[in-house]
N, C-alpha and C. Protein backbone atom coordinates (compact mmCIF):
# COMPACT_ATOMS: atom_id res chain seq x y z
N MET A 1 0.82 -1.20 0.00
CA MET A 1 0.00 0.00 0.00
C MET A 1 0.87 1.27 0.00
N LEU A 2 1.82 1.33 0.95
CA LEU A 2 2.70 2.49 1.05
C LEU A 2 3.57 2.62 -0.20
N GLN A 3 4.08 1.48 -0.67
CA GLN A 3 4.92 1.50 -1.86
C GLN A 3 4.13 1.98 -3.08
N SER A 4 2.88 1.57 -3.19
CA SER A 4 2.02 2.00 -4.29
C SER A 4 1.77 3.51 -4.22
N MET A 5 1.51 4.02 -3.01
CA MET A 5 1.29 5.45 -2.84
C MET A 5 2.56 6.24 -3.18
N MET A 6 3.71 5.75 -2.73
CA MET A 6 4.97 6.42 -3.03
C MET A 6 5.24 6.42 -4.54
N GLY A 7 4.88 5.35 -5.20
CA GLY A 7 5.03 5.27 -6.66
C GLY A 7 4.15 6.29 -7.36
N ARG A 8 2.94 6.47 -6.88
CA ARG A 8 2.04 7.47 -7.47
C ARG A 8 2.56 8.89 -7.23
N ILE A 9 3.09 9.13 -6.04
CA ILE A 9 3.65 10.45 -5.74
C ILE A 9 4.86 10.72 -6.65
N GLU A 10 5.72 9.73 -6.80
CA GLU A 10 6.89 9.91 -7.67
C GLU A 10 6.46 10.14 -9.11
N ASP A 11 5.46 9.41 -9.58
CA ASP A 11 4.97 9.60 -10.94
C ASP A 11 4.41 11.01 -11.13
N LEU A 12 3.62 11.47 -10.17
CA LEU A 12 3.08 12.83 -10.23
C LEU A 12 4.20 13.86 -10.19
N ASP A 13 5.19 13.63 -9.36
CA ASP A 13 6.34 14.52 -9.23
C ASP A 13 7.06 14.66 -10.59
N ILE A 14 7.28 13.56 -11.24
CA ILE A 14 7.96 13.57 -12.54
C ILE A 14 7.10 14.27 -13.58
N ARG A 15 5.81 13.95 -13.62
CA ARG A 15 4.92 14.60 -14.61
C ARG A 15 4.83 16.10 -14.39
N LEU A 16 4.73 16.54 -13.13
CA LEU A 16 4.71 17.99 -12.84
C LEU A 16 6.03 18.65 -13.23
N CYS A 17 7.11 17.98 -12.95
CA CYS A 17 8.43 18.51 -13.29
C CYS A 17 8.55 18.73 -14.80
N ILE A 18 8.14 17.74 -15.57
CA ILE A 18 8.20 17.85 -17.04
C ILE A 18 7.26 18.94 -17.52
N ALA A 19 6.06 19.01 -16.94
CA ALA A 19 5.09 20.04 -17.36
C ALA A 19 5.62 21.44 -17.08
N ILE A 20 6.18 21.67 -15.89
CA ILE A 20 6.71 23.00 -15.56
C ILE A 20 7.92 23.31 -16.43
N PHE A 21 8.78 22.34 -16.64
CA PHE A 21 9.95 22.57 -17.50
C PHE A 21 9.52 22.94 -18.93
N SER A 22 8.39 22.39 -19.36
CA SER A 22 7.93 22.65 -20.74
C SER A 22 7.49 24.10 -20.95
N TRP A 23 7.34 24.87 -19.88
CA TRP A 23 6.99 26.28 -20.03
C TRP A 23 8.14 27.09 -20.59
N ASN A 24 9.37 26.56 -20.53
CA ASN A 24 10.50 27.37 -20.97
C ASN A 24 10.53 27.50 -22.49
N GLY A 25 11.37 28.41 -22.94
CA GLY A 25 11.44 28.71 -24.36
C GLY A 25 10.85 30.06 -24.70
N ARG A 26 10.35 30.74 -23.69
CA ARG A 26 9.83 32.10 -23.87
C ARG A 26 10.89 33.05 -23.32
N SER A 27 11.39 33.89 -24.15
CA SER A 27 12.57 34.71 -23.83
C SER A 27 12.46 35.44 -22.49
N PHE A 28 11.38 36.21 -22.30
CA PHE A 28 11.25 36.98 -21.06
C PHE A 28 11.16 36.07 -19.86
N LEU A 29 10.32 35.04 -19.94
CA LEU A 29 10.13 34.13 -18.82
C LEU A 29 11.42 33.37 -18.50
N ASP A 30 12.14 32.97 -19.53
CA ASP A 30 13.42 32.28 -19.31
C ASP A 30 14.39 33.17 -18.53
N ARG A 31 14.51 34.42 -18.94
CA ARG A 31 15.42 35.35 -18.25
C ARG A 31 14.95 35.60 -16.81
N PHE A 32 13.65 35.78 -16.64
CA PHE A 32 13.10 36.03 -15.32
C PHE A 32 13.35 34.84 -14.39
N MET A 33 13.14 33.63 -14.88
CA MET A 33 13.33 32.44 -14.04
C MET A 33 14.81 32.21 -13.72
N ARG A 34 15.70 32.52 -14.66
CA ARG A 34 17.14 32.42 -14.35
C ARG A 34 17.52 33.45 -13.29
N LEU A 35 16.97 34.66 -13.41
CA LEU A 35 17.24 35.71 -12.42
C LEU A 35 16.72 35.30 -11.04
N LEU A 36 15.52 34.75 -10.97
CA LEU A 36 14.97 34.27 -9.69
C LEU A 36 15.86 33.18 -9.09
N SER A 37 16.29 32.27 -9.94
CA SER A 37 17.13 31.19 -9.47
C SER A 37 18.44 31.73 -8.91
N ARG A 38 19.03 32.71 -9.59
CA ARG A 38 20.26 33.35 -9.11
C ARG A 38 20.02 34.08 -7.80
N ALA A 39 18.85 34.70 -7.64
CA ALA A 39 18.53 35.40 -6.40
C ALA A 39 18.55 34.43 -5.22
N GLY A 40 18.21 33.17 -5.47
CA GLY A 40 18.24 32.16 -4.43
C GLY A 40 19.62 31.60 -4.14
N ASP A 41 20.65 32.05 -4.87
CA ASP A 41 22.02 31.59 -4.62
C ASP A 41 22.53 32.03 -3.26
N GLY A 42 21.93 33.08 -2.71
CA GLY A 42 22.33 33.53 -1.38
C GLY A 42 23.18 34.78 -1.36
N PHE A 43 23.63 35.25 -2.52
CA PHE A 43 24.50 36.44 -2.52
C PHE A 43 23.76 37.69 -2.08
N LEU A 44 22.43 37.71 -2.17
CA LEU A 44 21.65 38.88 -1.72
C LEU A 44 21.43 38.91 -0.21
N TYR A 45 21.56 37.76 0.44
CA TYR A 45 21.24 37.68 1.87
C TYR A 45 22.08 38.62 2.72
N PRO A 46 23.39 38.72 2.51
CA PRO A 46 24.16 39.68 3.33
C PRO A 46 23.67 41.13 3.16
N PHE A 47 23.22 41.48 1.97
CA PHE A 47 22.69 42.83 1.75
C PHE A 47 21.37 43.03 2.51
N LEU A 48 20.55 42.00 2.54
CA LEU A 48 19.29 42.08 3.30
C LEU A 48 19.57 42.21 4.80
N VAL A 49 20.57 41.47 5.28
CA VAL A 49 20.95 41.58 6.70
C VAL A 49 21.47 42.98 6.99
N ALA A 50 22.30 43.52 6.11
CA ALA A 50 22.81 44.88 6.29
C ALA A 50 21.67 45.89 6.28
N TRP A 51 20.70 45.66 5.43
CA TRP A 51 19.54 46.55 5.34
C TRP A 51 18.77 46.55 6.66
N VAL A 52 18.58 45.36 7.24
CA VAL A 52 17.90 45.26 8.53
C VAL A 52 18.73 46.01 9.58
N TRP A 53 20.02 45.78 9.58
CA TRP A 53 20.90 46.41 10.57
C TRP A 53 20.85 47.93 10.49
N ILE A 54 20.82 48.47 9.27
CA ILE A 54 20.80 49.93 9.08
C ILE A 54 19.42 50.51 9.36
N ARG A 55 18.38 49.90 8.79
CA ARG A 55 17.02 50.46 8.90
C ARG A 55 16.35 50.17 10.24
N HIS A 56 16.68 49.03 10.83
CA HIS A 56 16.03 48.63 12.08
C HIS A 56 17.07 48.07 13.06
N PRO A 57 17.94 48.94 13.56
CA PRO A 57 18.99 48.44 14.47
C PRO A 57 18.42 47.76 15.72
N GLU A 58 17.19 48.09 16.07
CA GLU A 58 16.58 47.47 17.25
C GLU A 58 16.36 45.97 17.05
N PHE A 59 16.28 45.53 15.80
CA PHE A 59 16.11 44.10 15.51
C PHE A 59 17.43 43.39 15.27
N SER A 60 18.47 44.12 14.95
CA SER A 60 19.71 43.49 14.51
C SER A 60 20.36 42.64 15.60
N GLY A 61 20.18 43.01 16.87
CA GLY A 61 20.78 42.24 17.96
C GLY A 61 20.20 40.85 18.13
N THR A 62 18.97 40.67 17.70
CA THR A 62 18.35 39.34 17.80
C THR A 62 18.17 38.69 16.43
N LEU A 63 17.83 39.48 15.43
CA LEU A 63 17.54 38.88 14.13
C LEU A 63 18.81 38.34 13.45
N ILE A 64 19.89 39.05 13.53
CA ILE A 64 21.11 38.59 12.85
C ILE A 64 21.62 37.28 13.47
N PRO A 65 21.71 37.16 14.79
CA PRO A 65 22.08 35.84 15.34
C PRO A 65 21.04 34.75 15.02
N SER A 66 19.78 35.14 14.99
CA SER A 66 18.72 34.18 14.65
C SER A 66 18.90 33.67 13.23
N MET A 67 19.19 34.58 12.30
CA MET A 67 19.43 34.18 10.91
C MET A 67 20.65 33.28 10.80
N ALA A 68 21.72 33.64 11.50
CA ALA A 68 22.95 32.85 11.44
C ALA A 68 22.70 31.43 11.96
N ALA A 69 22.01 31.31 13.09
CA ALA A 69 21.71 29.98 13.63
C ALA A 69 20.80 29.20 12.69
N ALA A 70 19.80 29.88 12.14
CA ALA A 70 18.86 29.21 11.23
C ALA A 70 19.57 28.72 9.97
N PHE A 71 20.43 29.56 9.42
CA PHE A 71 21.15 29.15 8.21
C PHE A 71 22.12 28.01 8.49
N ALA A 72 22.77 28.04 9.65
CA ALA A 72 23.68 26.93 9.99
C ALA A 72 22.90 25.62 10.08
N LEU A 73 21.76 25.66 10.73
CA LEU A 73 20.91 24.47 10.84
C LEU A 73 20.41 24.02 9.48
N GLU A 74 19.87 24.97 8.71
CA GLU A 74 19.32 24.64 7.38
C GLU A 74 20.39 24.05 6.48
N LEU A 75 21.54 24.67 6.43
CA LEU A 75 22.61 24.20 5.54
C LEU A 75 23.10 22.82 5.96
N GLY A 76 23.28 22.63 7.26
CA GLY A 76 23.72 21.32 7.73
C GLY A 76 22.73 20.21 7.41
N LEU A 77 21.46 20.46 7.68
CA LEU A 77 20.43 19.46 7.39
C LEU A 77 20.27 19.22 5.89
N GLN A 78 20.29 20.31 5.14
CA GLN A 78 20.12 20.19 3.69
C GLN A 78 21.25 19.35 3.09
N LYS A 79 22.49 19.63 3.46
CA LYS A 79 23.64 18.87 2.92
C LYS A 79 23.58 17.41 3.36
N ALA A 80 23.22 17.18 4.63
CA ALA A 80 23.13 15.81 5.12
C ALA A 80 22.05 15.02 4.37
N LEU A 81 20.90 15.64 4.17
CA LEU A 81 19.82 14.97 3.44
C LEU A 81 20.20 14.69 1.99
N LYS A 82 20.81 15.68 1.34
CA LYS A 82 21.21 15.48 -0.06
C LYS A 82 22.15 14.30 -0.20
N HIS A 83 23.13 14.23 0.68
CA HIS A 83 24.12 13.16 0.54
C HIS A 83 23.63 11.81 1.07
N ALA A 84 22.67 11.83 1.98
CA ALA A 84 22.10 10.57 2.46
C ALA A 84 21.13 9.98 1.44
N LEU A 85 20.30 10.84 0.83
CA LEU A 85 19.26 10.36 -0.09
C LEU A 85 19.76 10.24 -1.52
N ARG A 86 20.70 11.08 -1.90
CA ARG A 86 21.37 11.02 -3.21
C ARG A 86 20.41 10.98 -4.41
N ARG A 87 19.35 11.76 -4.34
CA ARG A 87 18.41 11.83 -5.45
C ARG A 87 19.01 12.66 -6.57
N LYS A 88 19.11 12.06 -7.74
CA LYS A 88 19.67 12.76 -8.90
C LYS A 88 18.72 13.86 -9.36
N ARG A 89 19.29 14.93 -9.82
CA ARG A 89 18.50 16.05 -10.34
C ARG A 89 17.75 15.61 -11.61
N PRO A 90 16.60 16.26 -11.89
CA PRO A 90 15.83 15.85 -13.08
C PRO A 90 16.63 15.98 -14.37
N CYS A 91 17.47 16.99 -14.48
CA CYS A 91 18.26 17.16 -15.70
C CYS A 91 19.30 16.06 -15.87
N LEU A 92 19.58 15.32 -14.81
CA LEU A 92 20.51 14.20 -14.88
C LEU A 92 19.79 12.86 -14.97
N SER A 93 18.46 12.87 -14.76
CA SER A 93 17.70 11.63 -14.73
C SER A 93 16.67 11.49 -15.84
N LEU A 94 16.13 12.62 -16.29
CA LEU A 94 15.05 12.58 -17.28
C LEU A 94 15.55 13.11 -18.61
N PRO A 95 15.44 12.33 -19.67
CA PRO A 95 15.98 12.77 -20.97
C PRO A 95 15.30 14.01 -21.54
N GLU A 96 14.06 14.27 -21.13
CA GLU A 96 13.34 15.43 -21.68
C GLU A 96 13.66 16.73 -20.95
N ILE A 97 14.53 16.68 -19.97
CA ILE A 97 14.86 17.88 -19.19
C ILE A 97 16.36 18.13 -19.22
N ARG A 98 16.72 19.40 -19.40
CA ARG A 98 18.12 19.82 -19.32
C ARG A 98 18.20 20.98 -18.34
N ASN A 99 19.36 21.18 -17.78
CA ASN A 99 19.50 22.28 -16.83
C ASN A 99 19.70 23.59 -17.59
N LEU A 100 18.99 24.61 -17.13
CA LEU A 100 19.09 25.93 -17.73
C LEU A 100 19.92 26.87 -16.86
N VAL A 101 20.32 26.39 -15.70
CA VAL A 101 21.22 27.11 -14.79
C VAL A 101 22.30 26.13 -14.33
N ALA A 102 23.38 26.67 -13.79
CA ALA A 102 24.49 25.82 -13.32
C ALA A 102 24.04 24.94 -12.16
N LEU A 103 24.58 23.75 -12.12
CA LEU A 103 24.28 22.82 -11.03
C LEU A 103 25.26 23.03 -9.88
N PRO A 104 24.76 23.26 -8.67
CA PRO A 104 25.68 23.39 -7.53
C PRO A 104 26.27 22.03 -7.12
N ASP A 105 25.54 20.95 -7.39
CA ASP A 105 25.99 19.58 -7.12
C ASP A 105 25.05 18.65 -7.90
N GLU A 106 25.22 17.36 -7.74
CA GLU A 106 24.41 16.43 -8.53
C GLU A 106 23.12 15.99 -7.86
N PHE A 107 22.93 16.34 -6.59
CA PHE A 107 21.77 15.85 -5.85
C PHE A 107 20.72 16.94 -5.67
N SER A 108 19.45 16.51 -5.62
CA SER A 108 18.38 17.51 -5.68
C SER A 108 17.50 17.62 -4.43
N PHE A 109 17.47 16.62 -3.57
CA PHE A 109 16.50 16.64 -2.47
C PHE A 109 17.19 16.90 -1.15
N PRO A 110 16.80 17.98 -0.47
CA PRO A 110 15.82 19.03 -0.75
C PRO A 110 16.47 20.20 -1.49
N SER A 111 15.66 21.12 -1.95
CA SER A 111 16.16 22.30 -2.64
C SER A 111 16.73 23.30 -1.64
N GLY A 112 18.03 23.51 -1.70
CA GLY A 112 18.69 24.47 -0.81
C GLY A 112 18.30 25.90 -1.13
N HIS A 113 18.15 26.21 -2.42
CA HIS A 113 17.74 27.56 -2.80
C HIS A 113 16.37 27.90 -2.18
N THR A 114 15.46 26.94 -2.27
CA THR A 114 14.12 27.15 -1.73
C THR A 114 14.16 27.25 -0.21
N ALA A 115 14.95 26.39 0.41
CA ALA A 115 15.06 26.42 1.88
C ALA A 115 15.57 27.78 2.34
N GLY A 116 16.62 28.28 1.71
CA GLY A 116 17.16 29.58 2.08
C GLY A 116 16.17 30.70 1.85
N ALA A 117 15.43 30.63 0.77
CA ALA A 117 14.47 31.68 0.45
C ALA A 117 13.32 31.71 1.47
N PHE A 118 12.81 30.54 1.85
CA PHE A 118 11.73 30.51 2.83
C PHE A 118 12.24 30.89 4.22
N LEU A 119 13.45 30.49 4.55
CA LEU A 119 14.04 30.89 5.82
C LEU A 119 14.11 32.42 5.90
N MET A 120 14.63 33.05 4.85
CA MET A 120 14.74 34.51 4.82
C MET A 120 13.36 35.17 4.86
N ALA A 121 12.40 34.61 4.14
CA ALA A 121 11.04 35.17 4.13
C ALA A 121 10.46 35.18 5.53
N LEU A 122 10.61 34.07 6.24
CA LEU A 122 10.08 33.98 7.59
C LEU A 122 10.80 34.94 8.53
N GLN A 123 12.11 34.96 8.45
CA GLN A 123 12.89 35.82 9.34
C GLN A 123 12.60 37.30 9.07
N LEU A 124 12.62 37.69 7.80
CA LEU A 124 12.36 39.10 7.47
C LEU A 124 10.91 39.48 7.76
N GLY A 125 10.01 38.52 7.65
CA GLY A 125 8.61 38.77 7.96
C GLY A 125 8.38 39.11 9.42
N THR A 126 9.32 38.74 10.29
CA THR A 126 9.18 39.13 11.69
C THR A 126 9.51 40.61 11.89
N VAL A 127 10.37 41.14 11.03
CA VAL A 127 10.72 42.57 11.11
C VAL A 127 9.65 43.41 10.43
N TRP A 128 9.16 42.92 9.29
CA TRP A 128 8.14 43.62 8.52
C TRP A 128 6.94 42.70 8.31
N PRO A 129 6.08 42.56 9.32
CA PRO A 129 4.94 41.65 9.20
C PRO A 129 4.03 41.95 8.01
N SER A 130 3.93 43.22 7.63
CA SER A 130 3.07 43.55 6.49
C SER A 130 3.65 43.05 5.17
N MET A 131 4.93 42.64 5.19
CA MET A 131 5.59 42.16 3.96
C MET A 131 5.72 40.65 3.91
N ILE A 132 5.17 39.94 4.89
CA ILE A 132 5.36 38.49 4.93
C ILE A 132 4.82 37.81 3.67
N LEU A 133 3.67 38.23 3.16
CA LEU A 133 3.13 37.59 1.95
C LEU A 133 4.00 37.86 0.72
N PRO A 134 4.46 39.09 0.48
CA PRO A 134 5.39 39.28 -0.64
C PRO A 134 6.70 38.49 -0.47
N PHE A 135 7.22 38.42 0.76
CA PHE A 135 8.44 37.64 1.00
C PHE A 135 8.20 36.16 0.70
N LEU A 136 7.07 35.62 1.17
CA LEU A 136 6.74 34.22 0.90
C LEU A 136 6.48 33.99 -0.59
N GLY A 137 5.86 34.98 -1.24
CA GLY A 137 5.63 34.87 -2.69
C GLY A 137 6.94 34.81 -3.45
N ALA A 138 7.91 35.63 -3.05
CA ALA A 138 9.23 35.61 -3.70
C ALA A 138 9.91 34.26 -3.46
N ALA A 139 9.79 33.73 -2.25
CA ALA A 139 10.38 32.42 -1.95
C ALA A 139 9.72 31.33 -2.80
N PHE A 140 8.40 31.39 -2.93
CA PHE A 140 7.69 30.43 -3.78
C PHE A 140 8.20 30.51 -5.23
N LEU A 141 8.36 31.73 -5.73
CA LEU A 141 8.84 31.89 -7.12
C LEU A 141 10.26 31.38 -7.29
N ILE A 142 11.10 31.56 -6.28
CA ILE A 142 12.46 31.00 -6.35
C ILE A 142 12.38 29.49 -6.45
N GLY A 143 11.52 28.87 -5.64
CA GLY A 143 11.34 27.43 -5.72
C GLY A 143 10.82 26.99 -7.08
N LEU A 144 9.83 27.69 -7.59
CA LEU A 144 9.28 27.37 -8.91
C LEU A 144 10.35 27.50 -9.99
N SER A 145 11.20 28.50 -9.86
CA SER A 145 12.26 28.69 -10.86
C SER A 145 13.22 27.51 -10.89
N ARG A 146 13.41 26.87 -9.76
CA ARG A 146 14.33 25.73 -9.72
C ARG A 146 13.77 24.54 -10.51
N VAL A 147 12.44 24.37 -10.49
CA VAL A 147 11.81 23.32 -11.29
C VAL A 147 11.82 23.75 -12.75
N TYR A 148 11.44 24.98 -13.02
CA TYR A 148 11.41 25.53 -14.37
C TYR A 148 12.77 25.39 -15.05
N ASN A 149 13.83 25.60 -14.28
CA ASN A 149 15.19 25.55 -14.83
C ASN A 149 15.77 24.14 -14.89
N GLY A 150 14.97 23.13 -14.54
CA GLY A 150 15.35 21.74 -14.73
C GLY A 150 16.26 21.15 -13.67
N VAL A 151 16.41 21.82 -12.53
CA VAL A 151 17.37 21.33 -11.53
C VAL A 151 16.71 20.73 -10.28
N HIS A 152 15.39 20.81 -10.18
CA HIS A 152 14.68 20.22 -9.04
C HIS A 152 13.33 19.67 -9.46
N TYR A 153 12.89 18.69 -8.70
CA TYR A 153 11.53 18.17 -8.79
C TYR A 153 10.65 19.01 -7.86
N PRO A 154 9.33 19.02 -8.09
CA PRO A 154 8.45 19.76 -7.17
C PRO A 154 8.57 19.31 -5.71
N THR A 155 8.74 18.00 -5.46
CA THR A 155 8.86 17.55 -4.07
C THR A 155 10.17 18.05 -3.43
N ASP A 156 11.20 18.27 -4.22
CA ASP A 156 12.45 18.86 -3.68
C ASP A 156 12.17 20.26 -3.15
N VAL A 157 11.36 20.99 -3.91
CA VAL A 157 11.02 22.37 -3.55
C VAL A 157 10.11 22.40 -2.32
N ILE A 158 9.15 21.49 -2.27
CA ILE A 158 8.27 21.42 -1.09
C ILE A 158 9.10 21.09 0.15
N ALA A 159 9.98 20.12 0.05
CA ALA A 159 10.84 19.76 1.18
C ALA A 159 11.75 20.93 1.56
N GLY A 160 12.28 21.64 0.57
CA GLY A 160 13.12 22.81 0.85
C GLY A 160 12.34 23.89 1.57
N ALA A 161 11.10 24.14 1.14
CA ALA A 161 10.26 25.14 1.80
C ALA A 161 10.02 24.75 3.26
N LEU A 162 9.69 23.49 3.51
CA LEU A 162 9.45 23.02 4.88
C LEU A 162 10.72 23.13 5.73
N LEU A 163 11.86 22.77 5.14
CA LEU A 163 13.13 22.87 5.85
C LEU A 163 13.45 24.32 6.19
N GLY A 164 13.24 25.22 5.23
CA GLY A 164 13.51 26.65 5.46
C GLY A 164 12.61 27.24 6.52
N ILE A 165 11.34 26.88 6.49
CA ILE A 165 10.40 27.40 7.49
C ILE A 165 10.74 26.84 8.87
N ALA A 166 11.04 25.55 8.95
CA ALA A 166 11.39 24.94 10.25
C ALA A 166 12.68 25.54 10.79
N SER A 167 13.69 25.68 9.95
CA SER A 167 14.97 26.25 10.40
C SER A 167 14.81 27.71 10.80
N GLY A 168 14.09 28.46 9.99
CA GLY A 168 13.86 29.87 10.30
C GLY A 168 13.08 30.04 11.59
N GLY A 169 12.07 29.20 11.79
CA GLY A 169 11.28 29.25 13.02
C GLY A 169 12.10 28.88 14.24
N LEU A 170 12.93 27.86 14.12
CA LEU A 170 13.78 27.47 15.24
C LEU A 170 14.78 28.59 15.57
N GLY A 171 15.34 29.20 14.54
CA GLY A 171 16.25 30.34 14.77
C GLY A 171 15.56 31.45 15.53
N LEU A 172 14.31 31.73 15.17
CA LEU A 172 13.55 32.78 15.87
C LEU A 172 13.27 32.39 17.32
N MET A 173 12.99 31.11 17.56
CA MET A 173 12.72 30.67 18.92
C MET A 173 13.97 30.75 19.80
N LEU A 174 15.13 30.50 19.20
CA LEU A 174 16.37 30.54 19.96
C LEU A 174 16.75 31.95 20.38
N PHE A 175 16.37 32.94 19.57
CA PHE A 175 16.77 34.32 19.86
C PHE A 175 15.53 35.16 20.02
């Protein structure tokens, strides 16, 4: 029973991955999705932290350590899961999919880009509660871009979102 259900989930995951990847080939959308994917690389995060520190110094004493702890937890868990589960990326497993962005490694589960984006959305949403929905929307789009660009399955993105939210929440609880 469980094996049958897991097979159906995997089949749906593959079909959704192929369907989302098939959206590419539109110049503007391709550029936008590559840009979103790059935004999830993490190079913007130090600028966001600096922005919090400058604009809201009252939060920097707790939010910056909270972010650091959350990212340490998220990165450690994400790397451990990737290397324990060793799920190949769709562009390495499915002939109908190719990567449209550089591969950080060969394993896909969970999506680190998505985890980092949701972690940041949750953390920044504590400073600017009125912006939590736009932050979460941006994190969702980063996750979607990873599937669109052929480097993750939808379940990788869902797991990354859950990991980012859990890590971000734990970081907030600690500080």
